[in-house]
C-alpha atoms as a PDB file:
ATOM      1  CA  UNK A   1      -1.995  10.954  28.777  1.00  0.00           C
ATOM      2  CA  UNK A   2      -4.242  14.368  28.999  1.00  0.00           C
ATOM      3  CA  UNK A   3      -8.411  13.149  29.876  1.00  0.00           C
ATOM      4  CA  UNK A   4     -10.835  14.554  27.829  1.00  0.00           C
ATOM      5  CA  UNK A   5      -9.297  15.820  24.708  1.00  0.00           C
ATOM      6  CA  UNK A   6      -9.581  12.271  22.826  1.00  0.00           C
ATOM      7  CA  UNK A   7     -13.247  11.856  20.578  1.00  0.00           C
ATOM      8  CA  UNK A   8     -15.710   9.667  22.434  1.00  0.00           C
ATOM      9  CA  UNK A   9     -17.581   8.200  19.211  1.00  0.00           C
ATOM     10  CA  UNK A  10     -15.415   6.156  17.625  1.00  0.00           C
ATOM     11  CA  UNK A  11     -17.462   3.847  15.094  1.00  0.00           C
ATOM     12  CA  UNK A  12     -17.039   1.616  12.312  1.00  0.00           C
ATOM     13  CA  UNK A  13     -16.717   3.143   9.343  1.00  0.00           C
ATOM     14  CA  UNK A  14     -16.347   2.123   5.143  1.00  0.00           C
ATOM     15  CA  UNK A  15     -14.123   3.723   2.950  1.00  0.00           C
ATOM     16  CA  UNK A  16     -14.396   3.507  -0.719  1.00  0.00           C
ATOM     17  CA  UNK A  17     -11.142   4.337  -3.309  1.00  0.00           C
ATOM     18  CA  UNK A  18     -13.044   5.708  -6.082  1.00  0.00           C
ATOM     19  CA  UNK A  19      -9.995   4.886  -8.390  1.00  0.00           C
ATOM     20  CA  UNK A  20     -10.653   1.377  -8.265  1.00  0.00           C
ATOM     21  CA  UNK A  21     -13.519   0.315  -6.479  1.00  0.00           C
ATOM     22  CA  UNK A  22     -11.774  -1.116  -3.300  1.00  0.00           C
ATOM     23  CA  UNK A  23     -13.560  -0.495   0.257  1.00  0.00           C
ATOM     24  CA  UNK A  24     -12.487  -1.537   4.038  1.00  0.00           C
ATOM     25  CA  UNK A  25     -13.361  -0.989   6.797  1.00  0.00           C
ATOM     26  CA  UNK A  26     -11.986   0.731  10.190  1.00  0.00           C
ATOM     27  CA  UNK A  27     -12.798   3.045  13.255  1.00  0.00           C
ATOM     28  CA  UNK A  28     -13.378   6.597  12.489  1.00  0.00           C
ATOM     29  CA  UNK A  29     -14.898   9.502  14.161  1.00  0.00           C
ATOM     30  CA  UNK A  30     -15.251  11.239  10.669  1.00  0.00           C
ATOM     31  CA  UNK A  31     -19.123  12.076   9.568  1.00  0.00           C
ATOM     32  CA  UNK A  32     -21.237  11.314   6.475  1.00  0.00           C
ATOM     33  CA  UNK A  33     -24.527  11.181   5.505  1.00  0.00           C
ATOM     34  CA  UNK A  34     -23.705   8.372   2.752  1.00  0.00           C
ATOM     35  CA  UNK A  35     -24.268   4.941   3.300  1.00  0.00           C
ATOM     36  CA  UNK A  36     -22.870   1.429   1.865  1.00  0.00           C
ATOM     37  CA  UNK A  37     -23.878  -2.282   2.893  1.00  0.00           C
ATOM     38  CA  UNK A  38     -20.583  -4.258   3.311  1.00  0.00           C
ATOM     39  CA  UNK A  39     -21.532  -7.788   4.096  1.00  0.00           C
ATOM     40  CA  UNK A  40     -24.832  -7.573   5.390  1.00  0.00           C
ATOM     41  CA  UNK A  41     -24.179  -4.007   7.085  1.00  0.00           C
ATOM     42  CA  UNK A  42     -24.881  -1.070   6.196  1.00  0.00           C
ATOM     43  CA  UNK A  43     -22.055   1.436   7.731  1.00  0.00           C
ATOM     44  CA  UNK A  44     -20.996   5.648   7.264  1.00  0.00           C
ATOM     45  CA  UNK A  45     -19.357   5.893   4.092  1.00  0.00           C
ATOM     46  CA  UNK A  46     -16.679   8.242   3.194  1.00  0.00           C
ATOM     47  CA  UNK A  47     -15.067   8.488  -0.299  1.00  0.00           C
ATOM     48  CA  UNK A  48     -11.383   8.203  -0.847  1.00  0.00           C
ATOM     49  CA  UNK A  49      -9.311   9.876  -4.094  1.00  0.00           C
ATOM     50  CA  UNK A  50      -6.386   7.358  -3.771  1.00  0.00           C
ATOM     51  CA  UNK A  51      -5.413   4.765  -0.947  1.00  0.00           C
ATOM     52  CA  UNK A  52      -3.281   2.435   0.131  1.00  0.00           C
ATOM     53  CA  UNK A  53      -4.554   0.091  -3.282  1.00  0.00           C
ATOM     54  CA  UNK A  54      -3.885   2.977  -5.427  1.00  0.00           C
ATOM     55  CA  UNK A  55      -1.141   4.711  -4.422  1.00  0.00           C
ATOM     56  CA  UNK A  56       1.365   4.440  -6.460  1.00  0.00           C
ATOM     57  CA  UNK A  57       4.159   3.429  -3.386  1.00  0.00           C
ATOM     58  CA  UNK A  58       2.116   0.986  -2.448  1.00  0.00           C
ATOM     59  CA  UNK A  59       1.079  -0.913  -5.871  1.00  0.00           C
ATOM     60  CA  UNK A  60       4.599  -0.646  -7.008  1.00  0.00           C
ATOM     61  CA  UNK A  61       2.982   0.631 -10.106  1.00  0.00           C
ATOM     62  CA  UNK A  62       2.625   4.354 -11.968  1.00  0.00           C
ATOM     63  CA  UNK A  63      -0.696   5.111 -12.658  1.00  0.00           C
ATOM     64  CA  UNK A  64      -2.168   8.691 -13.424  1.00  0.00           C
ATOM     65  CA  UNK A  65      -5.059   9.764 -11.373  1.00  0.00           C
ATOM     66  CA  UNK A  66      -6.479  12.814 -12.346  1.00  0.00           C
ATOM     67  CA  UNK A  67     -10.107  12.967 -11.074  1.00  0.00           C
ATOM     68  CA  UNK A  68     -10.130  16.640 -10.477  1.00  0.00           C
ATOM     69  CA  UNK A  69      -8.776  17.750 -13.542  1.00  0.00           C
ATOM     70  CA  UNK A  70      -5.661  19.185 -12.810  1.00  0.00           C
ATOM     71  CA  UNK A  71      -3.721  18.330 -15.736  1.00  0.00           C
ATOM     72  CA  UNK A  72      -6.263  19.497 -18.097  1.00  0.00           C
ATOM     73  CA  UNK A  73      -6.191  23.130 -16.113  1.00  0.00           C
ATOM     74  CA  UNK A  74      -2.338  23.044 -16.206  1.00  0.00           C
ATOM     75  CA  UNK A  75      -1.990  22.603 -19.281  1.00  0.00           C
ATOM     76  CA  UNK A  76      -4.642  25.429 -20.556  1.00  0.00           C
ATOM     77  CA  UNK A  77      -2.792  27.629 -17.821  1.00  0.00           C
ATOM     78  CA  UNK A  78       0.849  27.416 -19.457  1.00  0.00           C
ATOM     79  CA  UNK A  79      -0.106  26.580 -23.432  1.00  0.00           C
ATOM     80  CA  UNK A  80       0.963  30.433 -23.527  1.00  0.00           C
ATOM     81  CA  UNK A  81       3.781  30.129 -23.578  1.00  0.00           C
ATOM     82  CA  UNK A  82       4.227  27.233 -25.427  1.00  0.00           C
ATOM     83  CA  UNK A  83       6.584  28.413 -28.282  1.00  0.00           C
END
């Protein structure tokens, strides 16, 4: 393994799934301006649109997650081709 190419600043970070509110902790080097308190300890917060707790592959359930309005944008764009 090459030396000096891997980051050294790993720390505990909280990831929050915005579709269901699930929060989990793991080590990461990602930067964040927001923080969250988990079990009395404050951690940097990174927000996710989808994670293992809400992804249909892992949950076995189909669920439509549209946080950015992509479906409405698609429907409006292709409405002119509708007969």
